[in-house]
């Protein structure tokens, strides 16, 4: 699935506390499948207008954008990779995870 599966064949799962995606998922009775609005190595985007500019001229374009205004600049999401038997913290964000084996 173009834009959802990573180049390494993995997918990311995110549990959000953001109101709009949580509401959509609850009302649909299913998870919402989407890529991150942020492009790797380009930093975080907090405004729909800025997001539209980020994707100008790119092959992959968002199919839709829900503009809820400028988002607060919270700490980033913690990202943990779990592949086979290997667990690796890729980015330590607001939720702190420590593994002791």
N, C-alpha and C. Protein backbone atom coordinates (compact mmCIF):
# COMPACT_ATOMS: atom_id res chain seq x y z
N UNK A 1 0.85 -1.17 0.00
CA UNK A 1 0.00 0.00 0.00
C UNK A 1 0.90 1.23 0.00
N UNK A 2 0.93 1.96 -1.08
CA UNK A 2 1.82 3.11 -1.25
C UNK A 2 1.60 4.14 -0.14
N UNK A 3 2.67 4.48 0.56
CA UNK A 3 2.59 5.51 1.58
C UNK A 3 2.26 4.99 2.97
N UNK A 4 1.84 3.72 3.09
CA UNK A 4 1.49 3.17 4.41
C UNK A 4 2.56 2.20 4.89
N UNK A 5 3.03 1.35 3.99
CA UNK A 5 4.08 0.39 4.34
C UNK A 5 5.43 1.04 4.10
N UNK A 6 6.31 0.96 5.10
CA UNK A 6 7.64 1.56 5.00
C UNK A 6 8.50 0.86 3.97
N UNK A 7 9.59 1.49 3.58
CA UNK A 7 10.50 0.91 2.60
C UNK A 7 11.08 -0.41 3.09
N UNK A 8 11.11 -0.60 4.42
CA UNK A 8 11.62 -1.85 4.97
C UNK A 8 10.53 -2.90 5.17
N UNK A 9 9.32 -2.62 4.69
CA UNK A 9 8.21 -3.57 4.78
C UNK A 9 7.47 -3.55 6.10
N UNK A 10 7.74 -2.57 6.95
CA UNK A 10 7.06 -2.49 8.23
C UNK A 10 5.94 -1.45 8.19
N UNK A 11 5.07 -1.54 9.17
CA UNK A 11 4.03 -0.53 9.35
C UNK A 11 4.12 0.01 10.77
N UNK A 12 3.63 1.21 10.98
CA UNK A 12 3.62 1.81 12.31
C UNK A 12 2.19 1.84 12.83
N UNK A 13 2.06 1.60 14.12
CA UNK A 13 0.76 1.66 14.77
C UNK A 13 0.83 2.75 15.82
N UNK A 14 -0.13 3.64 15.82
CA UNK A 14 -0.12 4.76 16.76
C UNK A 14 -1.46 4.83 17.47
N UNK A 15 -1.41 4.95 18.78
CA UNK A 15 -2.62 5.18 19.56
C UNK A 15 -2.58 6.65 19.94
N UNK A 16 -3.60 7.38 19.51
CA UNK A 16 -3.58 8.82 19.69
C UNK A 16 -4.57 9.28 20.75
N UNK A 17 -4.26 10.40 21.34
CA UNK A 17 -5.18 11.03 22.26
C UNK A 17 -5.82 12.26 21.60
N UNK A 18 -5.48 12.48 20.33
CA UNK A 18 -6.04 13.62 19.60
C UNK A 18 -7.53 13.39 19.35
N UNK A 19 -8.33 14.41 19.58
CA UNK A 19 -9.78 14.27 19.55
C UNK A 19 -10.36 13.86 18.20
N UNK A 20 -9.94 14.50 17.12
CA UNK A 20 -10.56 14.24 15.81
C UNK A 20 -10.31 12.81 15.32
N UNK A 21 -9.06 12.33 15.26
CA UNK A 21 -8.88 10.95 14.80
C UNK A 21 -9.50 9.92 15.75
N UNK A 22 -9.47 10.20 17.04
CA UNK A 22 -10.10 9.28 18.01
C UNK A 22 -11.61 9.22 17.77
N UNK A 23 -12.23 10.38 17.55
CA UNK A 23 -13.67 10.45 17.26
C UNK A 23 -14.00 9.70 15.96
N UNK A 24 -13.22 9.93 14.91
CA UNK A 24 -13.47 9.26 13.64
C UNK A 24 -13.40 7.74 13.79
N UNK A 25 -12.39 7.28 14.49
CA UNK A 25 -12.22 5.85 14.70
C UNK A 25 -13.38 5.26 15.49
N UNK A 26 -13.80 5.95 16.53
CA UNK A 26 -14.92 5.48 17.35
C UNK A 26 -16.21 5.44 16.54
N UNK A 27 -16.49 6.49 15.78
CA UNK A 27 -17.72 6.55 14.99
C UNK A 27 -17.74 5.54 13.84
N UNK A 28 -16.58 5.30 13.24
CA UNK A 28 -16.49 4.33 12.15
C UNK A 28 -16.45 2.90 12.67
N UNK A 29 -16.08 2.75 13.94
CA UNK A 29 -15.96 1.42 14.51
C UNK A 29 -14.74 0.67 14.00
N UNK A 30 -13.77 1.40 13.47
CA UNK A 30 -12.56 0.82 12.90
C UNK A 30 -11.39 1.76 13.12
N UNK A 31 -10.18 1.22 13.04
CA UNK A 31 -9.02 2.12 13.12
C UNK A 31 -8.93 2.99 11.87
N UNK A 32 -8.29 4.11 11.99
CA UNK A 32 -8.03 4.98 10.85
C UNK A 32 -6.63 4.67 10.35
N UNK A 33 -6.51 4.37 9.07
CA UNK A 33 -5.22 4.03 8.49
C UNK A 33 -4.73 5.23 7.69
N UNK A 34 -3.56 5.69 8.04
CA UNK A 34 -3.00 6.86 7.36
C UNK A 34 -1.50 6.91 7.59
N UNK A 35 -0.83 7.62 6.74
CA UNK A 35 0.59 7.87 6.97
C UNK A 35 0.70 9.08 7.89
N UNK A 36 1.89 9.33 8.35
CA UNK A 36 2.13 10.56 9.10
C UNK A 36 2.07 11.73 8.13
N UNK A 37 1.55 12.83 8.59
CA UNK A 37 1.55 14.03 7.75
C UNK A 37 2.97 14.56 7.57
N UNK A 38 3.82 14.26 8.54
CA UNK A 38 5.20 14.73 8.49
C UNK A 38 6.04 13.83 7.59
N UNK A 39 6.83 14.43 6.75
CA UNK A 39 7.75 13.67 5.90
C UNK A 39 9.07 13.49 6.64
N UNK A 40 9.65 12.31 6.50
CA UNK A 40 10.90 12.00 7.19
C UNK A 40 11.95 13.06 6.91
N UNK A 41 12.66 13.47 7.92
CA UNK A 41 13.78 14.41 7.84
C UNK A 41 13.41 15.84 7.46
N UNK A 42 12.09 16.16 7.45
CA UNK A 42 11.70 17.53 7.13
C UNK A 42 11.12 18.27 8.33
N UNK A 43 11.11 17.62 9.48
CA UNK A 43 10.57 18.27 10.67
C UNK A 43 9.06 18.11 10.78
N UNK A 44 8.54 18.60 11.88
CA UNK A 44 7.11 18.45 12.16
C UNK A 44 6.32 19.62 11.59
N UNK A 45 5.10 19.32 11.14
CA UNK A 45 4.20 20.32 10.58
C UNK A 45 3.01 20.45 11.53
N UNK A 46 2.63 21.69 11.85
CA UNK A 46 1.56 21.93 12.81
C UNK A 46 0.38 22.69 12.21
N UNK A 47 0.42 22.97 10.91
CA UNK A 47 -0.59 23.80 10.27
C UNK A 47 -0.92 23.21 8.89
N UNK A 48 -2.20 23.09 8.54
CA UNK A 48 -2.62 22.50 7.27
C UNK A 48 -2.04 23.25 6.07
N UNK A 49 -1.97 24.57 6.14
CA UNK A 49 -1.42 25.36 5.02
C UNK A 49 0.06 25.02 4.80
N UNK A 50 0.79 24.85 5.90
CA UNK A 50 2.20 24.47 5.82
C UNK A 50 2.33 23.05 5.26
N UNK A 51 1.41 22.19 5.66
CA UNK A 51 1.42 20.80 5.18
C UNK A 51 1.21 20.75 3.67
N UNK A 52 0.28 21.51 3.17
CA UNK A 52 0.01 21.54 1.72
C UNK A 52 1.26 21.96 0.97
N UNK A 53 1.97 22.96 1.47
CA UNK A 53 3.21 23.41 0.83
C UNK A 53 4.27 22.31 0.84
N UNK A 54 4.32 21.53 1.92
CA UNK A 54 5.31 20.46 2.06
C UNK A 54 5.15 19.42 0.95
N UNK A 55 3.92 19.17 0.53
CA UNK A 55 3.65 18.12 -0.46
C UNK A 55 3.63 18.63 -1.90
N UNK A 56 3.76 19.92 -2.11
CA UNK A 56 3.74 20.47 -3.48
C UNK A 56 4.83 19.82 -4.33
N UNK A 57 4.45 19.33 -5.51
CA UNK A 57 5.40 18.78 -6.46
C UNK A 57 5.86 17.37 -6.15
N UNK A 58 5.34 16.74 -5.11
CA UNK A 58 5.74 15.37 -4.76
C UNK A 58 4.82 14.37 -5.45
N UNK A 59 5.36 13.19 -5.70
CA UNK A 59 4.59 12.13 -6.36
C UNK A 59 3.41 11.69 -5.49
N UNK A 60 3.66 11.49 -4.20
CA UNK A 60 2.62 11.04 -3.29
C UNK A 60 1.94 12.25 -2.69
N UNK A 61 0.63 12.36 -2.87
CA UNK A 61 -0.15 13.47 -2.35
C UNK A 61 -1.19 12.95 -1.35
N UNK A 62 -1.45 13.70 -0.28
CA UNK A 62 -2.51 13.29 0.63
C UNK A 62 -3.86 13.27 -0.09
N UNK A 63 -4.68 12.28 0.24
CA UNK A 63 -6.01 12.19 -0.35
C UNK A 63 -6.98 13.14 0.33
N UNK A 64 -6.67 13.54 1.52
CA UNK A 64 -7.52 14.47 2.24
C UNK A 64 -6.79 15.03 3.45
N UNK A 65 -7.19 16.22 3.85
CA UNK A 65 -6.62 16.87 5.02
C UNK A 65 -7.78 17.42 5.84
N UNK A 66 -7.79 17.12 7.12
CA UNK A 66 -8.78 17.71 8.02
C UNK A 66 -8.08 18.83 8.76
N UNK A 67 -8.52 20.05 8.48
CA UNK A 67 -7.88 21.23 9.07
C UNK A 67 -8.59 21.56 10.39
N UNK A 68 -7.89 21.35 11.50
CA UNK A 68 -8.44 21.67 12.82
C UNK A 68 -7.72 22.87 13.42
N UNK A 69 -7.08 23.65 12.56
CA UNK A 69 -6.35 24.81 13.02
C UNK A 69 -4.91 24.46 13.31
N UNK A 70 -4.18 25.41 13.83
CA UNK A 70 -2.77 25.20 14.16
C UNK A 70 -2.71 24.30 15.40
N UNK A 71 -1.95 23.23 15.30
CA UNK A 71 -1.84 22.27 16.40
C UNK A 71 -0.83 22.74 17.44
N UNK A 72 -1.04 22.36 18.70
CA UNK A 72 -0.05 22.71 19.72
C UNK A 72 1.25 21.96 19.48
N UNK A 73 2.35 22.57 19.83
CA UNK A 73 3.66 21.95 19.62
C UNK A 73 4.02 21.09 20.84
N UNK A 74 3.42 19.89 20.87
CA UNK A 74 3.69 18.94 21.94
C UNK A 74 4.98 18.20 21.68
N UNK A 75 5.47 17.50 22.70
CA UNK A 75 6.63 16.65 22.51
C UNK A 75 6.30 15.58 21.48
N UNK A 76 7.30 15.08 20.76
CA UNK A 76 7.03 14.08 19.73
C UNK A 76 6.56 12.75 20.31
N UNK A 77 6.01 11.94 19.44
CA UNK A 77 5.56 10.60 19.79
C UNK A 77 6.76 9.71 20.03
N UNK A 78 6.66 8.85 21.04
CA UNK A 78 7.69 7.84 21.25
C UNK A 78 7.52 6.77 20.17
N UNK A 79 8.62 6.38 19.54
CA UNK A 79 8.56 5.37 18.48
C UNK A 79 9.41 4.17 18.89
N UNK A 80 8.76 3.00 18.90
CA UNK A 80 9.44 1.76 19.25
C UNK A 80 9.31 0.81 18.07
N UNK A 81 10.42 0.23 17.68
CA UNK A 81 10.43 -0.77 16.60
C UNK A 81 10.43 -2.16 17.24
N UNK A 82 9.49 -3.00 16.77
CA UNK A 82 9.44 -4.39 17.20
C UNK A 82 9.44 -5.23 15.94
N UNK A 83 10.58 -5.82 15.62
CA UNK A 83 10.72 -6.66 14.44
C UNK A 83 11.34 -7.97 14.88
N UNK A 84 10.61 -9.05 14.60
CA UNK A 84 11.02 -10.38 15.05
C UNK A 84 11.18 -10.34 16.57
N UNK A 85 12.35 -10.66 17.10
CA UNK A 85 12.59 -10.64 18.54
C UNK A 85 13.36 -9.41 19.00
N UNK A 86 13.52 -8.44 18.11
CA UNK A 86 14.33 -7.26 18.43
C UNK A 86 13.42 -6.07 18.74
N UNK A 87 13.62 -5.47 19.92
CA UNK A 87 12.88 -4.27 20.34
C UNK A 87 13.88 -3.13 20.41
N UNK A 88 13.55 -2.03 19.74
CA UNK A 88 14.48 -0.90 19.69
C UNK A 88 13.69 0.40 19.80
N UNK A 89 14.13 1.29 20.67
CA UNK A 89 13.51 2.61 20.78
C UNK A 89 14.13 3.49 19.70
N UNK A 90 13.31 3.92 18.74
CA UNK A 90 13.81 4.76 17.65
C UNK A 90 13.78 6.23 18.03
N UNK A 91 12.75 6.62 18.80
CA UNK A 91 12.67 8.01 19.27
C UNK A 91 11.98 8.02 20.62
N UNK A 92 12.65 8.60 21.60
CA UNK A 92 12.07 8.73 22.94
C UNK A 92 11.31 10.04 22.95
N UNK A 93 10.02 9.96 23.08
CA UNK A 93 9.17 11.15 23.07
C UNK A 93 8.59 11.41 24.44
N UNK A 94 7.35 11.90 24.44
CA UNK A 94 6.68 12.28 25.68
C UNK A 94 6.51 11.08 26.62
N UNK A 95 6.15 9.94 26.07
CA UNK A 95 6.00 8.72 26.88
C UNK A 95 7.36 8.05 26.96
N UNK A 96 7.92 7.94 28.15
CA UNK A 96 9.24 7.36 28.34
C UNK A 96 9.13 5.85 28.46
N UNK A 97 9.94 5.14 27.69
CA UNK A 97 9.96 3.68 27.72
C UNK A 97 11.39 3.25 28.01
N UNK A 98 11.52 2.38 28.98
CA UNK A 98 12.81 1.81 29.33
C UNK A 98 12.69 0.30 29.32
N UNK A 99 13.59 -0.38 28.66
CA UNK A 99 13.59 -1.83 28.61
C UNK A 99 14.75 -2.34 29.42
N UNK A 100 14.47 -3.28 30.29
CA UNK A 100 15.52 -3.94 31.05
C UNK A 100 15.39 -5.43 30.82
N UNK A 101 16.38 -6.00 30.14
CA UNK A 101 16.34 -7.43 29.86
C UNK A 101 17.47 -8.12 30.60
